[in-house]
Amino acid sequence: MAREPRFKRRFLSERLMEILKTAPLDKRMLRVLPPAEENDPYYVFLLFPIPKFKKPISHDQYRHVRRNFLEACCMVTKLKNPSAKDIVGIATEPGIYNIGRSEDAIYLDARNWNKQLEDEAIELQEKLEILKSPTMFRGVTKEYPDV
């Protein structure tokens, strides 16, 4: 995101803050932002709550699970958007006031997409129920906000 111009960084941070403020604390939320211009990346924002298992998992185990799920989300994003070349994924816990928040970021270079990766993405989409029935959101961000 650092290479993005200020306006795009503000737009991306506003979209991330929106879901942090509105997502239920116990449910995952995924938001995929398509490119604003040709050759821009897709951005995948994932809010992933700490799973509640019979036996608690460590924070490192949680981060491993979350990174794998984020990678799966990026792969399914490519599956659903065949023209995507660059996909940036960012994951964190839901909620705006999380003490000890952690973040994960990944990049998927989708230029070398092949049948094997497509089959894996189809399997992940089915198994993990990623983007099975997405909801479209539309909005406008002004370059110079009203004061």
N, C-alpha and C. Protein backbone atom coordinates (compact mmCIF):
# COMPACT_ATOMS: atom_id res chain seq x y z
N MET A 1 0.82 -1.20 0.00
CA MET A 1 0.00 0.00 0.00
C MET A 1 0.86 1.25 0.00
N ALA A 2 2.08 1.14 0.42
CA ALA A 2 2.93 2.32 0.53
C ALA A 2 3.18 2.97 -0.83
N ARG A 3 3.15 2.20 -1.90
CA ARG A 3 3.39 2.78 -3.22
C ARG A 3 2.16 3.49 -3.78
N GLU A 4 1.03 3.31 -3.13
CA GLU A 4 -0.20 3.94 -3.60
C GLU A 4 -0.18 5.44 -3.29
N PRO A 5 -0.78 6.25 -4.16
CA PRO A 5 -0.89 7.68 -3.87
C PRO A 5 -1.75 7.91 -2.62
N ARG A 6 -1.62 9.08 -2.05
CA ARG A 6 -2.32 9.42 -0.80
C ARG A 6 -3.82 9.17 -0.88
N PHE A 7 -4.45 9.57 -1.97
CA PHE A 7 -5.90 9.40 -2.10
C PHE A 7 -6.29 7.93 -2.02
N LYS A 8 -5.57 7.07 -2.73
CA LYS A 8 -5.89 5.64 -2.71
C LYS A 8 -5.63 5.03 -1.34
N ARG A 9 -4.56 5.47 -0.67
CA ARG A 9 -4.29 4.97 0.68
C ARG A 9 -5.43 5.37 1.62
N ARG A 10 -5.91 6.60 1.48
CA ARG A 10 -7.03 7.04 2.32
C ARG A 10 -8.28 6.23 2.01
N PHE A 11 -8.55 5.99 0.74
CA PHE A 11 -9.70 5.18 0.34
C PHE A 11 -9.61 3.79 0.95
N LEU A 12 -8.44 3.15 0.81
CA LEU A 12 -8.26 1.80 1.34
C LEU A 12 -8.40 1.77 2.86
N SER A 13 -7.82 2.74 3.54
CA SER A 13 -7.92 2.76 5.00
C SER A 13 -9.35 3.01 5.45
N GLU A 14 -10.10 3.83 4.72
CA GLU A 14 -11.51 4.05 5.06
C GLU A 14 -12.31 2.76 4.90
N ARG A 15 -12.05 2.00 3.84
CA ARG A 15 -12.78 0.73 3.64
C ARG A 15 -12.44 -0.26 4.75
N LEU A 16 -11.17 -0.32 5.13
CA LEU A 16 -10.80 -1.22 6.21
C LEU A 16 -11.44 -0.79 7.53
N MET A 17 -11.43 0.50 7.82
CA MET A 17 -12.05 0.99 9.06
C MET A 17 -13.55 0.72 9.08
N GLU A 18 -14.21 0.82 7.93
CA GLU A 18 -15.65 0.52 7.85
C GLU A 18 -15.95 -0.88 8.35
N ILE A 19 -15.19 -1.86 7.86
CA ILE A 19 -15.52 -3.22 8.27
C ILE A 19 -15.06 -3.49 9.70
N LEU A 20 -13.98 -2.85 10.14
CA LEU A 20 -13.56 -3.01 11.54
C LEU A 20 -14.64 -2.51 12.49
N LYS A 21 -15.32 -1.44 12.10
CA LYS A 21 -16.36 -0.86 12.95
C LYS A 21 -17.67 -1.64 12.91
N THR A 22 -17.95 -2.30 11.80
CA THR A 22 -19.27 -2.91 11.63
C THR A 22 -19.32 -4.43 11.73
N ALA A 23 -18.20 -5.09 11.60
CA ALA A 23 -18.19 -6.56 11.59
C ALA A 23 -18.49 -7.12 12.97
N PRO A 24 -19.28 -8.17 13.04
CA PRO A 24 -19.48 -8.85 14.33
C PRO A 24 -18.15 -9.39 14.84
N LEU A 25 -17.97 -9.36 16.15
CA LEU A 25 -16.71 -9.79 16.75
C LEU A 25 -16.47 -11.29 16.64
N ASP A 26 -17.53 -12.06 16.41
CA ASP A 26 -17.40 -13.51 16.38
C ASP A 26 -17.55 -14.12 14.99
N LYS A 27 -17.56 -13.28 13.95
CA LYS A 27 -17.72 -13.79 12.59
C LYS A 27 -16.64 -13.21 11.69
N ARG A 28 -16.22 -14.02 10.73
CA ARG A 28 -15.24 -13.51 9.79
C ARG A 28 -15.94 -12.62 8.77
N MET A 29 -15.18 -11.67 8.25
CA MET A 29 -15.71 -10.80 7.20
C MET A 29 -14.63 -10.63 6.15
N LEU A 30 -15.06 -10.66 4.91
CA LEU A 30 -14.15 -10.54 3.78
C LEU A 30 -14.65 -9.43 2.88
N ARG A 31 -13.76 -8.54 2.52
CA ARG A 31 -14.10 -7.49 1.57
C ARG A 31 -13.04 -7.48 0.49
N VAL A 32 -13.48 -7.56 -0.76
CA VAL A 32 -12.58 -7.53 -1.91
C VAL A 32 -12.81 -6.21 -2.64
N LEU A 33 -11.73 -5.45 -2.78
CA LEU A 33 -11.80 -4.17 -3.48
C LEU A 33 -11.16 -4.31 -4.85
N PRO A 34 -11.95 -4.12 -5.91
CA PRO A 34 -11.38 -4.25 -7.26
C PRO A 34 -10.48 -3.05 -7.55
N PRO A 35 -9.66 -3.17 -8.58
CA PRO A 35 -8.75 -2.07 -8.92
C PRO A 35 -9.52 -0.83 -9.34
N ALA A 36 -9.00 0.32 -8.93
CA ALA A 36 -9.61 1.59 -9.34
C ALA A 36 -9.22 1.92 -10.77
N GLU A 37 -8.01 1.52 -11.15
CA GLU A 37 -7.51 1.78 -12.50
C GLU A 37 -6.84 0.52 -13.04
N GLU A 38 -6.69 0.48 -14.34
CA GLU A 38 -6.01 -0.66 -14.96
C GLU A 38 -4.61 -0.81 -14.35
N ASN A 39 -4.22 -2.04 -14.13
CA ASN A 39 -2.92 -2.39 -13.55
C ASN A 39 -2.84 -2.15 -12.04
N ASP A 40 -3.89 -1.68 -11.41
CA ASP A 40 -3.91 -1.60 -9.94
C ASP A 40 -4.18 -2.99 -9.38
N PRO A 41 -3.76 -3.26 -8.16
CA PRO A 41 -4.04 -4.57 -7.57
C PRO A 41 -5.47 -4.65 -7.03
N TYR A 42 -5.92 -5.87 -6.84
CA TYR A 42 -7.11 -6.14 -6.03
C TYR A 42 -6.64 -6.12 -4.58
N TYR A 43 -7.47 -5.61 -3.69
CA TYR A 43 -7.17 -5.66 -2.26
C TYR A 43 -8.19 -6.55 -1.58
N VAL A 44 -7.71 -7.44 -0.74
CA VAL A 44 -8.55 -8.36 0.01
C VAL A 44 -8.36 -8.05 1.49
N PHE A 45 -9.45 -7.63 2.15
CA PHE A 45 -9.42 -7.35 3.59
C PHE A 45 -10.18 -8.47 4.29
N LEU A 46 -9.51 -9.12 5.23
CA LEU A 46 -10.11 -10.22 5.97
C LEU A 46 -10.08 -9.91 7.45
N LEU A 47 -11.25 -9.99 8.08
CA LEU A 47 -11.34 -9.94 9.54
C LEU A 47 -11.62 -11.37 9.98
N PHE A 48 -10.75 -11.88 10.82
CA PHE A 48 -10.79 -13.30 11.17
C PHE A 48 -10.72 -13.43 12.69
N PRO A 49 -11.86 -13.75 13.33
CA PRO A 49 -11.86 -13.89 14.79
C PRO A 49 -11.04 -15.10 15.24
N ILE A 50 -10.57 -15.04 16.46
CA ILE A 50 -9.84 -16.18 17.02
C ILE A 50 -10.84 -17.31 17.20
N PRO A 51 -10.57 -18.47 16.56
CA PRO A 51 -11.53 -19.58 16.64
C PRO A 51 -11.68 -20.10 18.07
N LYS A 52 -12.88 -20.52 18.38
CA LYS A 52 -13.16 -21.09 19.69
C LYS A 52 -13.19 -22.62 19.54
N PHE A 53 -12.12 -23.25 19.96
CA PHE A 53 -12.02 -24.71 19.94
C PHE A 53 -12.14 -25.23 21.37
N LYS A 54 -12.40 -26.53 21.50
CA LYS A 54 -12.45 -27.14 22.84
C LYS A 54 -11.13 -26.92 23.56
N LYS A 55 -10.04 -27.09 22.80
CA LYS A 55 -8.72 -26.85 23.36
C LYS A 55 -8.20 -25.53 22.75
N PRO A 56 -7.95 -24.52 23.58
CA PRO A 56 -7.49 -23.22 23.04
C PRO A 56 -6.20 -23.37 22.24
N ILE A 57 -6.06 -22.54 21.22
CA ILE A 57 -4.85 -22.55 20.41
C ILE A 57 -4.00 -21.33 20.77
N SER A 58 -2.70 -21.44 20.50
CA SER A 58 -1.80 -20.33 20.79
C SER A 58 -2.01 -19.22 19.75
N HIS A 59 -1.49 -18.04 20.06
CA HIS A 59 -1.60 -16.93 19.13
C HIS A 59 -0.83 -17.24 17.83
N ASP A 60 0.30 -17.92 17.96
CA ASP A 60 1.05 -18.30 16.76
C ASP A 60 0.26 -19.26 15.88
N GLN A 61 -0.44 -20.21 16.50
CA GLN A 61 -1.28 -21.15 15.74
C GLN A 61 -2.43 -20.39 15.05
N TYR A 62 -3.04 -19.46 15.79
CA TYR A 62 -4.11 -18.64 15.22
C TYR A 62 -3.60 -17.87 14.00
N ARG A 63 -2.42 -17.25 14.12
CA ARG A 63 -1.86 -16.47 13.02
C ARG A 63 -1.58 -17.37 11.81
N HIS A 64 -1.13 -18.58 12.05
CA HIS A 64 -0.87 -19.53 10.97
C HIS A 64 -2.19 -19.86 10.23
N VAL A 65 -3.22 -20.15 11.00
CA VAL A 65 -4.54 -20.45 10.41
C VAL A 65 -5.04 -19.24 9.63
N ARG A 66 -4.91 -18.05 10.21
CA ARG A 66 -5.41 -16.84 9.55
C ARG A 66 -4.64 -16.56 8.26
N ARG A 67 -3.32 -16.72 8.27
CA ARG A 67 -2.53 -16.50 7.04
C ARG A 67 -2.94 -17.48 5.95
N ASN A 68 -3.15 -18.74 6.32
CA ASN A 68 -3.59 -19.73 5.33
C ASN A 68 -4.96 -19.38 4.76
N PHE A 69 -5.85 -18.92 5.63
CA PHE A 69 -7.18 -18.54 5.16
C PHE A 69 -7.09 -17.31 4.26
N LEU A 70 -6.25 -16.37 4.61
CA LEU A 70 -6.05 -15.18 3.76
C LEU A 70 -5.52 -15.57 2.39
N GLU A 71 -4.57 -16.49 2.36
CA GLU A 71 -4.05 -16.96 1.09
C GLU A 71 -5.17 -17.61 0.26
N ALA A 72 -6.01 -18.39 0.91
CA ALA A 72 -7.14 -19.01 0.21
C ALA A 72 -8.08 -17.94 -0.34
N CYS A 73 -8.32 -16.89 0.44
CA CYS A 73 -9.20 -15.80 -0.02
C CYS A 73 -8.61 -15.11 -1.25
N CYS A 74 -7.31 -14.91 -1.27
CA CYS A 74 -6.67 -14.30 -2.43
C CYS A 74 -6.76 -15.20 -3.66
N MET A 75 -6.62 -16.49 -3.45
CA MET A 75 -6.73 -17.43 -4.57
C MET A 75 -8.15 -17.45 -5.12
N VAL A 76 -9.14 -17.42 -4.25
CA VAL A 76 -10.53 -17.41 -4.71
C VAL A 76 -10.85 -16.08 -5.39
N THR A 77 -10.23 -15.00 -4.92
CA THR A 77 -10.40 -13.70 -5.59
C THR A 77 -9.92 -13.80 -7.03
N LYS A 78 -8.79 -14.45 -7.25
CA LYS A 78 -8.29 -14.66 -8.62
C LYS A 78 -9.26 -15.53 -9.42
N LEU A 79 -9.77 -16.57 -8.79
CA LEU A 79 -10.73 -17.45 -9.45
C LEU A 79 -11.95 -16.66 -9.93
N LYS A 80 -12.45 -15.78 -9.07
CA LYS A 80 -13.65 -15.00 -9.39
C LYS A 80 -13.35 -13.82 -10.33
N ASN A 81 -12.08 -13.44 -10.43
CA ASN A 81 -11.68 -12.29 -11.24
C ASN A 81 -10.49 -12.71 -12.11
N PRO A 82 -10.76 -13.42 -13.21
CA PRO A 82 -9.68 -13.99 -14.01
C PRO A 82 -8.66 -12.97 -14.54
N SER A 83 -9.04 -11.72 -14.66
CA SER A 83 -8.10 -10.72 -15.18
C SER A 83 -7.15 -10.19 -14.11
N ALA A 84 -7.36 -10.56 -12.85
CA ALA A 84 -6.51 -10.07 -11.76
C ALA A 84 -5.07 -10.54 -11.95
N LYS A 85 -4.14 -9.61 -11.80
CA LYS A 85 -2.72 -9.94 -11.90
C LYS A 85 -2.02 -9.84 -10.55
N ASP A 86 -2.42 -8.84 -9.77
CA ASP A 86 -1.82 -8.60 -8.46
C ASP A 86 -2.94 -8.55 -7.42
N ILE A 87 -2.74 -9.31 -6.34
CA ILE A 87 -3.73 -9.34 -5.27
C ILE A 87 -2.99 -9.16 -3.95
N VAL A 88 -3.40 -8.16 -3.20
CA VAL A 88 -2.81 -7.86 -1.90
C VAL A 88 -3.83 -8.22 -0.83
N GLY A 89 -3.43 -9.05 0.11
CA GLY A 89 -4.32 -9.48 1.19
C GLY A 89 -3.85 -8.95 2.53
N ILE A 90 -4.80 -8.45 3.32
CA ILE A 90 -4.51 -7.94 4.66
C ILE A 90 -5.54 -8.56 5.60
N ALA A 91 -5.05 -9.13 6.71
CA ALA A 91 -5.94 -9.76 7.67
C ALA A 91 -5.64 -9.26 9.07
N THR A 92 -6.68 -9.19 9.88
CA THR A 92 -6.57 -8.82 11.29
C THR A 92 -7.79 -9.36 12.02
N GLU A 93 -7.86 -9.09 13.33
CA GLU A 93 -9.00 -9.49 14.13
C GLU A 93 -10.13 -8.47 13.93
N PRO A 94 -11.39 -8.90 14.07
CA PRO A 94 -12.49 -7.94 13.99
C PRO A 94 -12.53 -7.05 15.22
N GLY A 95 -13.20 -5.94 15.10
CA GLY A 95 -13.37 -5.03 16.22
C GLY A 95 -12.38 -3.89 16.17
N ILE A 96 -12.83 -2.75 16.60
CA ILE A 96 -12.02 -1.54 16.50
C ILE A 96 -11.07 -1.37 17.68
N TYR A 97 -11.43 -1.93 18.83
CA TYR A 97 -10.63 -1.70 20.04
C TYR A 97 -9.98 -2.97 20.55
N ASN A 98 -9.32 -3.69 19.70
CA ASN A 98 -8.65 -4.93 20.11
C ASN A 98 -7.28 -4.61 20.69
N ILE A 99 -7.09 -4.97 21.93
CA ILE A 99 -5.77 -4.82 22.54
C ILE A 99 -4.93 -5.99 22.03
N GLY A 100 -3.73 -5.69 21.60
CA GLY A 100 -2.87 -6.76 21.09
C GLY A 100 -3.19 -7.17 19.67
N ARG A 101 -3.78 -6.27 18.90
CA ARG A 101 -4.14 -6.57 17.51
C ARG A 101 -2.90 -7.00 16.74
N SER A 102 -3.08 -7.93 15.84
CA SER A 102 -2.01 -8.36 14.95
C SER A 102 -2.53 -8.27 13.51
N GLU A 103 -1.61 -8.15 12.60
CA GLU A 103 -1.97 -8.06 11.19
C GLU A 103 -1.11 -9.02 10.39
N ASP A 104 -1.67 -9.50 9.31
CA ASP A 104 -0.93 -10.31 8.34
C ASP A 104 -1.16 -9.70 6.97
N ALA A 105 -0.15 -9.72 6.13
CA ALA A 105 -0.28 -9.22 4.77
C ALA A 105 0.41 -10.21 3.83
N ILE A 106 -0.22 -10.43 2.69
CA ILE A 106 0.38 -11.30 1.68
C ILE A 106 0.16 -10.67 0.30
N TYR A 107 0.95 -11.13 -0.63
CA TYR A 107 0.84 -10.69 -2.01
C TYR A 107 0.76 -11.94 -2.89
N LEU A 108 -0.21 -11.95 -3.79
CA LEU A 108 -0.35 -13.05 -4.74
C LEU A 108 -0.08 -12.50 -6.14
N ASP A 109 0.99 -12.97 -6.75
CA ASP A 109 1.28 -12.65 -8.15
C ASP A 109 0.52 -13.68 -8.97
N ALA A 110 -0.57 -13.25 -9.58
CA ALA A 110 -1.48 -14.17 -10.27
C ALA A 110 -1.18 -14.26 -11.76
N ARG A 111 -0.02 -13.80 -12.17
CA ARG A 111 0.34 -13.85 -13.60
C ARG A 111 0.60 -15.27 -14.09
N ASN A 112 1.04 -16.14 -13.20
CA ASN A 112 1.36 -17.51 -13.58
C ASN A 112 0.26 -18.49 -13.15
N TRP A 113 -0.96 -18.03 -13.18
CA TRP A 113 -2.10 -18.85 -12.80
C TRP A 113 -2.22 -20.01 -13.77
N ASN A 114 -2.50 -21.20 -13.23
CA ASN A 114 -2.61 -22.37 -14.10
C ASN A 114 -3.79 -23.23 -13.64
N LYS A 115 -4.02 -24.30 -14.36
CA LYS A 115 -5.16 -25.19 -14.08
C LYS A 115 -5.07 -25.79 -12.68
N GLN A 116 -3.87 -26.15 -12.24
CA GLN A 116 -3.69 -26.73 -10.91
C GLN A 116 -4.09 -25.73 -9.82
N LEU A 117 -3.66 -24.47 -9.96
CA LEU A 117 -4.04 -23.43 -8.98
C LEU A 117 -5.54 -23.15 -9.03
N GLU A 118 -6.09 -23.16 -10.24
CA GLU A 118 -7.53 -22.94 -10.39
C GLU A 118 -8.31 -24.06 -9.68
N ASP A 119 -7.90 -25.29 -9.87
CA ASP A 119 -8.57 -26.42 -9.21
C ASP A 119 -8.45 -26.31 -7.69
N GLU A 120 -7.28 -25.90 -7.21
CA GLU A 120 -7.09 -25.71 -5.77
C GLU A 120 -8.00 -24.60 -5.25
N ALA A 121 -8.11 -23.51 -6.01
CA ALA A 121 -8.98 -22.40 -5.60
C ALA A 121 -10.44 -22.82 -5.56
N ILE A 122 -10.86 -23.62 -6.53
CA ILE A 122 -12.25 -24.12 -6.54
C ILE A 122 -12.51 -24.97 -5.30
N GLU A 123 -11.56 -25.83 -4.98
CA GLU A 123 -11.70 -26.69 -3.80
C GLU A 123 -11.75 -25.85 -2.51
N LEU A 124 -10.88 -24.86 -2.41
CA LEU A 124 -10.86 -23.99 -1.23
C LEU A 124 -12.17 -23.19 -1.12
N GLN A 125 -12.66 -22.70 -2.24
CA GLN A 125 -13.91 -21.95 -2.21
C GLN A 125 -15.05 -22.80 -1.68
N GLU A 126 -15.13 -24.03 -2.14
CA GLU A 126 -16.20 -24.93 -1.69
C GLU A 126 -16.01 -25.32 -0.22
N LYS A 127 -14.83 -25.75 0.11
CA LYS A 127 -14.55 -26.26 1.46
C LYS A 127 -14.68 -25.17 2.52
N LEU A 128 -14.17 -23.97 2.22
CA LEU A 128 -14.14 -22.89 3.22
C LEU A 128 -15.25 -21.86 3.03
N GLU A 129 -16.06 -22.06 2.00
CA GLU A 129 -17.19 -21.17 1.71
C GLU A 129 -16.73 -19.72 1.57
N ILE A 130 -15.79 -19.52 0.66
CA ILE A 130 -15.23 -18.19 0.40
C ILE A 130 -15.88 -17.62 -0.85
N LEU A 131 -16.47 -16.44 -0.72
CA LEU A 131 -17.09 -15.72 -1.83
C LEU A 131 -18.11 -16.58 -2.58
N LYS A 132 -18.88 -17.36 -1.84
CA LYS A 132 -19.90 -18.22 -2.46
C LYS A 132 -21.10 -17.38 -2.93
N SER A 133 -21.48 -16.39 -2.14
CA SER A 133 -22.58 -15.49 -2.55
C SER A 133 -22.22 -14.08 -2.07
N PRO A 134 -21.27 -13.46 -2.77
CA PRO A 134 -20.80 -12.14 -2.32
C PRO A 134 -21.86 -11.06 -2.48
N THR A 135 -21.75 -10.05 -1.64
CA THR A 135 -22.62 -8.89 -1.69
C THR A 135 -21.81 -7.73 -2.24
N MET A 136 -22.36 -7.01 -3.21
CA MET A 136 -21.67 -5.89 -3.83
C MET A 136 -21.94 -4.62 -3.02
N PHE A 137 -20.87 -3.88 -2.72
CA PHE A 137 -20.98 -2.58 -2.06
C PHE A 137 -20.49 -1.52 -3.02
N ARG A 138 -21.16 -0.40 -3.03
CA ARG A 138 -20.71 0.72 -3.86
C ARG A 138 -20.62 1.95 -2.97
N GLY A 139 -19.68 2.79 -3.30
CA GLY A 139 -19.52 4.01 -2.53
C GLY A 139 -18.66 4.99 -3.29
N VAL A 140 -18.62 6.20 -2.78
CA VAL A 140 -17.83 7.26 -3.39
C VAL A 140 -16.95 7.87 -2.33
N THR A 141 -15.71 8.09 -2.68
CA THR A 141 -14.79 8.81 -1.80
C THR A 141 -14.33 10.04 -2.56
N LYS A 142 -14.52 11.19 -1.94
CA LYS A 142 -14.11 12.45 -2.57
C LYS A 142 -12.62 12.66 -2.33
N GLU A 143 -11.96 13.18 -3.35
CA GLU A 143 -10.54 13.44 -3.21
C GLU A 143 -10.30 14.53 -2.15
N TYR A 144 -11.20 15.48 -2.10
CA TYR A 144 -11.11 16.54 -1.08
C TYR A 144 -12.39 16.50 -0.26
N PRO A 145 -12.35 15.83 0.89
CA PRO A 145 -13.56 15.67 1.70
C PRO A 145 -14.14 17.01 2.16
N ASP A 146 -15.46 17.02 2.35
CA ASP A 146 -16.12 18.20 2.91
C ASP A 146 -15.62 18.42 4.34
N VAL A 147 -15.49 19.64 4.70
CA VAL A 147 -15.00 19.95 6.05
C VAL A 147 -16.14 20.30 6.95
